Amino acid sequence: MSTPQRNDACVIAVDPSVAGILRLQTLAVLEANHHHFEDLRELRPEEQHALLVLYRDAFAVLDALGWAAVASVAVDVPLTAGHAEQLRRCHADLVETNHDRRAALATAADPEARRAIRADIAADRAAADALVHLLAALSARTR
């Protein structure tokens, strides 16, 4: 784990449909990095700090979105360059997963399984598209 450079957060207004996707993808960031805690005491101080920053940025997003139901109005969310990089990785994972699902769809014989795979592809495509738009908005604000 490399030490990220801490950048101030850029506050982006996120509409309710994107807020739900951002919440799920931010939780995915936390889940993807949880294994580092198993060796926390063995990490060098700069590695511990990098983990702190990653989690602090993610929890700041979750705090802004709220912990209850998905917001019904736009929410201002603080996004850092570090968290944006994590979201880019989530986007890449969504795209790769859909690629794998298309292969599974081609071989699925059961109509119900094909419907489920198509629904998963559509949901991940929508999430990937939302991340692209969110990251583009962030990029436009930080130029």
C-alpha atoms as a PDB file:
ATOM      1  CA  MET A   1       0.000   0.000   0.000  1.00  0.00           C
ATOM      2  CA  SER A   2       1.477   3.298  -1.028  1.00  0.00           C
ATOM      3  CA  THR A   3       1.030   6.502   0.876  1.00  0.00           C
ATOM      4  CA  PRO A   4      -1.488   8.683  -0.952  1.00  0.00           C
ATOM      5  CA  GLN A   5      -0.997  12.391  -1.123  1.00  0.00           C
ATOM      6  CA  ARG A   6      -3.776  14.002   0.870  1.00  0.00           C
ATOM      7  CA  ASN A   7      -5.811  16.394  -1.216  1.00  0.00           C
ATOM      8  CA  ASP A   8      -8.576  18.564   0.088  1.00  0.00           C
ATOM      9  CA  ALA A   9     -12.004  17.278  -0.737  1.00  0.00           C
ATOM     10  CA  CYS A  10     -13.998  18.807  -3.525  1.00  0.00           C
ATOM     11  CA  VAL A  11     -17.678  18.975  -2.628  1.00  0.00           C
ATOM     12  CA  ILE A  12     -19.898  17.595  -5.385  1.00  0.00           C
ATOM     13  CA  ALA A  13     -23.708  17.631  -5.409  1.00  0.00           C
ATOM     14  CA  VAL A  14     -24.924  14.081  -5.939  1.00  0.00           C
ATOM     15  CA  ASP A  15     -28.506  13.341  -6.963  1.00  0.00           C
ATOM     16  CA  PRO A  16     -30.436  10.541  -5.202  1.00  0.00           C
ATOM     17  CA  SER A  17     -29.945   7.948  -7.956  1.00  0.00           C
ATOM     18  CA  VAL A  18     -26.179   8.447  -7.906  1.00  0.00           C
ATOM     19  CA  ALA A  19     -26.106   8.620  -4.094  1.00  0.00           C
ATOM     20  CA  GLY A  20     -27.228   5.003  -3.804  1.00  0.00           C
ATOM     21  CA  ILE A  21     -24.587   3.864  -6.279  1.00  0.00           C
ATOM     22  CA  LEU A  22     -21.908   5.965  -4.572  1.00  0.00           C
ATOM     23  CA  ARG A  23     -22.838   4.449  -1.206  1.00  0.00           C
ATOM     24  CA  LEU A  24     -22.533   0.882  -2.549  1.00  0.00           C
ATOM     25  CA  GLN A  25     -19.260   1.567  -4.327  1.00  0.00           C
ATOM     26  CA  THR A  26     -17.799   3.324  -1.283  1.00  0.00           C
ATOM     27  CA  LEU A  27     -18.728   0.305   0.821  1.00  0.00           C
ATOM     28  CA  ALA A  28     -16.997  -1.830  -1.824  1.00  0.00           C
ATOM     29  CA  VAL A  29     -13.845   0.289  -1.336  1.00  0.00           C
ATOM     30  CA  LEU A  30     -13.943  -0.422   2.395  1.00  0.00           C
ATOM     31  CA  GLU A  31     -14.551  -4.127   1.840  1.00  0.00           C
ATOM     32  CA  ALA A  32     -11.761  -4.387  -0.725  1.00  0.00           C
ATOM     33  CA  ASN A  33      -9.244  -2.926   1.718  1.00  0.00           C
ATOM     34  CA  HIS A  34     -10.329  -4.558   4.981  1.00  0.00           C
ATOM     35  CA  HIS A  35      -7.651  -7.248   4.795  1.00  0.00           C
ATOM     36  CA  HIS A  36      -4.978  -4.641   5.561  1.00  0.00           C
ATOM     37  CA  PHE A  37      -6.296  -4.490   9.124  1.00  0.00           C
ATOM     38  CA  GLU A  38      -5.234  -8.085   9.700  1.00  0.00           C
ATOM     39  CA  ASP A  39      -1.601  -6.966   9.574  1.00  0.00           C
ATOM     40  CA  LEU A  40      -2.075  -3.458  10.924  1.00  0.00           C
ATOM     41  CA  ARG A  41       0.583  -3.787  13.630  1.00  0.00           C
ATOM     42  CA  GLU A  42       3.113  -5.017  11.075  1.00  0.00           C
ATOM     43  CA  LEU A  43       2.558  -2.073   8.737  1.00  0.00           C
ATOM     44  CA  ARG A  44       5.044   0.770   8.703  1.00  0.00           C
ATOM     45  CA  PRO A  45       3.710   4.104  10.017  1.00  0.00           C
ATOM     46  CA  GLU A  46       3.346   5.528   6.510  1.00  0.00           C
ATOM     47  CA  GLU A  47       1.353   2.435   5.475  1.00  0.00           C
ATOM     48  CA  GLN A  48      -0.886   2.809   8.529  1.00  0.00           C
ATOM     49  CA  HIS A  49      -1.425   6.439   7.579  1.00  0.00           C
ATOM     50  CA  ALA A  50      -2.295   5.480   3.993  1.00  0.00           C
ATOM     51  CA  LEU A  51      -4.928   3.098   5.313  1.00  0.00           C
ATOM     52  CA  LEU A  52      -6.271   5.780   7.627  1.00  0.00           C
ATOM     53  CA  VAL A  53      -6.613   8.236   4.744  1.00  0.00           C
ATOM     54  CA  LEU A  54      -8.369   5.680   2.552  1.00  0.00           C
ATOM     55  CA  TYR A  55     -10.889   4.879   5.282  1.00  0.00           C
ATOM     56  CA  ARG A  56     -11.292   8.505   6.393  1.00  0.00           C
ATOM     57  CA  ASP A  57     -12.150   9.567   2.843  1.00  0.00           C
ATOM     58  CA  ALA A  58     -14.632   6.716   2.433  1.00  0.00           C
ATOM     59  CA  PHE A  59     -16.332   7.382   5.771  1.00  0.00           C
ATOM     60  CA  ALA A  60     -16.576  11.093   4.964  1.00  0.00           C
ATOM     61  CA  VAL A  61     -18.548  10.149   1.839  1.00  0.00           C
ATOM     62  CA  LEU A  62     -20.785   7.789   3.808  1.00  0.00           C
ATOM     63  CA  ASP A  63     -21.342  10.403   6.520  1.00  0.00           C
ATOM     64  CA  ALA A  64     -22.386  12.962   3.898  1.00  0.00           C
ATOM     65  CA  LEU A  65     -24.758  10.518   2.220  1.00  0.00           C
ATOM     66  CA  GLY A  66     -26.294   9.563   5.547  1.00  0.00           C
ATOM     67  CA  TRP A  67     -26.592   6.188   7.165  1.00  0.00           C
ATOM     68  CA  ALA A  68     -30.336   5.687   6.819  1.00  0.00           C
ATOM     69  CA  ALA A  69     -32.375   5.477   3.639  1.00  0.00           C
ATOM     70  CA  VAL A  70     -31.135   6.893   0.370  1.00  0.00           C
ATOM     71  CA  ALA A  71     -31.633  10.642   0.154  1.00  0.00           C
ATOM     72  CA  SER A  72     -34.592  12.007  -1.795  1.00  0.00           C
ATOM     73  CA  VAL A  73     -32.773  15.243  -2.653  1.00  0.00           C
ATOM     74  CA  ALA A  74     -29.281  16.062  -3.892  1.00  0.00           C
ATOM     75  CA  VAL A  75     -26.552  15.663  -1.296  1.00  0.00           C
ATOM     76  CA  ASP A  76     -23.215  17.507  -1.124  1.00  0.00           C
ATOM     77  CA  VAL A  77     -20.478  14.882  -0.906  1.00  0.00           C
ATOM     78  CA  PRO A  78     -16.768  15.515  -0.222  1.00  0.00           C
ATOM     79  CA  LEU A  79     -14.641  13.633  -2.739  1.00  0.00           C
ATOM     80  CA  THR A  80     -10.868  13.549  -2.516  1.00  0.00           C
ATOM     81  CA  ALA A  81      -8.470  12.578  -5.272  1.00  0.00           C
ATOM     82  CA  GLY A  82      -7.656   9.442  -3.289  1.00  0.00           C
ATOM     83  CA  HIS A  83     -11.275   8.342  -3.045  1.00  0.00           C
ATOM     84  CA  ALA A  84     -11.797   9.179  -6.722  1.00  0.00           C
ATOM     85  CA  GLU A  85      -8.948   6.793  -7.535  1.00  0.00           C
ATOM     86  CA  GLN A  86     -10.657   4.086  -5.492  1.00  0.00           C
ATOM     87  CA  LEU A  87     -13.905   4.745  -7.392  1.00  0.00           C
ATOM     88  CA  ARG A  88     -12.008   4.417 -10.700  1.00  0.00           C
ATOM     89  CA  ARG A  89     -10.932   0.960  -9.544  1.00  0.00           C
ATOM     90  CA  CYS A  90     -14.552   0.154  -8.703  1.00  0.00           C
ATOM     91  CA  HIS A  91     -15.528   1.254 -12.218  1.00  0.00           C
ATOM     92  CA  ALA A  92     -12.896  -1.039 -13.733  1.00  0.00           C
ATOM     93  CA  ASP A  93     -14.174  -3.924 -11.584  1.00  0.00           C
ATOM     94  CA  LEU A  94     -17.755  -3.301 -12.724  1.00  0.00           C
ATOM     95  CA  VAL A  95     -16.695  -3.306 -16.381  1.00  0.00           C
ATOM     96  CA  GLU A  96     -14.637  -6.484 -15.976  1.00  0.00           C
ATOM     97  CA  THR A  97     -17.422  -8.238 -14.085  1.00  0.00           C
ATOM     98  CA  ASN A  98     -19.880  -7.383 -16.851  1.00  0.00           C
ATOM     99  CA  HIS A  99     -17.456  -8.750 -19.420  1.00  0.00           C
ATOM    100  CA  ASP A 100     -17.398 -12.031 -17.485  1.00  0.00           C
ATOM    101  CA  ARG A 101     -21.191 -11.994 -17.187  1.00  0.00           C
ATOM    102  CA  ARG A 102     -21.600 -11.626 -20.945  1.00  0.00           C
ATOM    103  CA  ALA A 103     -19.586 -14.802 -21.371  1.00  0.00           C
ATOM    104  CA  ALA A 104     -21.811 -16.552 -18.809  1.00  0.00           C
ATOM    105  CA  LEU A 105     -24.905 -15.231 -20.561  1.00  0.00           C
ATOM    106  CA  ALA A 106     -23.783 -16.806 -23.825  1.00  0.00           C
ATOM    107  CA  THR A 107     -23.659 -20.241 -22.220  1.00  0.00           C
ATOM    108  CA  ALA A 108     -26.644 -20.019 -19.852  1.00  0.00           C
ATOM    109  CA  ALA A 109     -29.433 -22.318 -21.024  1.00  0.00           C
ATOM    110  CA  ASP A 110     -32.011 -21.593 -18.323  1.00  0.00           C
ATOM    111  CA  PRO A 111     -34.248 -18.598 -19.183  1.00  0.00           C
ATOM    112  CA  GLU A 112     -34.459 -17.530 -15.526  1.00  0.00           C
ATOM    113  CA  ALA A 113     -30.660 -17.580 -15.205  1.00  0.00           C
ATOM    114  CA  ARG A 114     -30.379 -15.519 -18.401  1.00  0.00           C
ATOM    115  CA  ARG A 115     -32.855 -12.949 -16.998  1.00  0.00           C
ATOM    116  CA  ALA A 116     -30.891 -12.722 -13.748  1.00  0.00           C
ATOM    117  CA  ILE A 117     -27.602 -12.275 -15.608  1.00  0.00           C
ATOM    118  CA  ARG A 118     -29.123  -9.564 -17.815  1.00  0.00           C
ATOM    119  CA  ALA A 119     -30.455  -7.755 -14.725  1.00  0.00           C
ATOM    120  CA  ASP A 120     -27.010  -7.883 -13.093  1.00  0.00           C
ATOM    121  CA  ILE A 121     -25.387  -6.579 -16.278  1.00  0.00           C
ATOM    122  CA  ALA A 122     -27.876  -3.693 -16.471  1.00  0.00           C
ATOM    123  CA  ALA A 123     -27.389  -2.766 -12.805  1.00  0.00           C
ATOM    124  CA  ASP A 124     -23.599  -2.783 -13.073  1.00  0.00           C
ATOM    125  CA  ARG A 125     -23.709  -0.845 -16.355  1.00  0.00           C
ATOM    126  CA  ALA A 126     -25.840   1.824 -14.649  1.00  0.00           C
ATOM    127  CA  ALA A 127     -23.403   1.926 -11.710  1.00  0.00           C
ATOM    128  CA  ALA A 128     -20.405   2.199 -14.034  1.00  0.00           C
ATOM    129  CA  ASP A 129     -22.084   4.999 -16.006  1.00  0.00           C
ATOM    130  CA  ALA A 130     -22.915   6.876 -12.795  1.00  0.00           C
ATOM    131  CA  LEU A 131     -19.292   6.620 -11.654  1.00  0.00           C
ATOM    132  CA  VAL A 132     -18.075   7.940 -15.020  1.00  0.00           C
ATOM    133  CA  HIS A 133     -20.339  10.984 -14.731  1.00  0.00           C
ATOM    134  CA  LEU A 134     -19.426  11.568 -11.080  1.00  0.00           C
ATOM    135  CA  LEU A 135     -15.699  11.338 -11.788  1.00  0.00           C
ATOM    136  CA  ALA A 136     -16.061  13.633 -14.811  1.00  0.00           C
ATOM    137  CA  ALA A 137     -17.855  16.208 -12.635  1.00  0.00           C
ATOM    138  CA  LEU A 138     -15.059  15.961 -10.076  1.00  0.00           C
ATOM    139  CA  SER A 139     -12.408  16.318 -12.760  1.00  0.00           C
ATOM    140  CA  ALA A 140     -14.131  19.399 -14.189  1.00  0.00           C
ATOM    141  CA  ARG A 141     -14.240  21.000 -10.734  1.00  0.00           C
ATOM    142  CA  THR A 142     -10.573  20.324  -9.912  1.00  0.00           C
ATOM    143  CA  ARG A 143      -8.924  21.490 -13.143  1.00  0.00           C
END
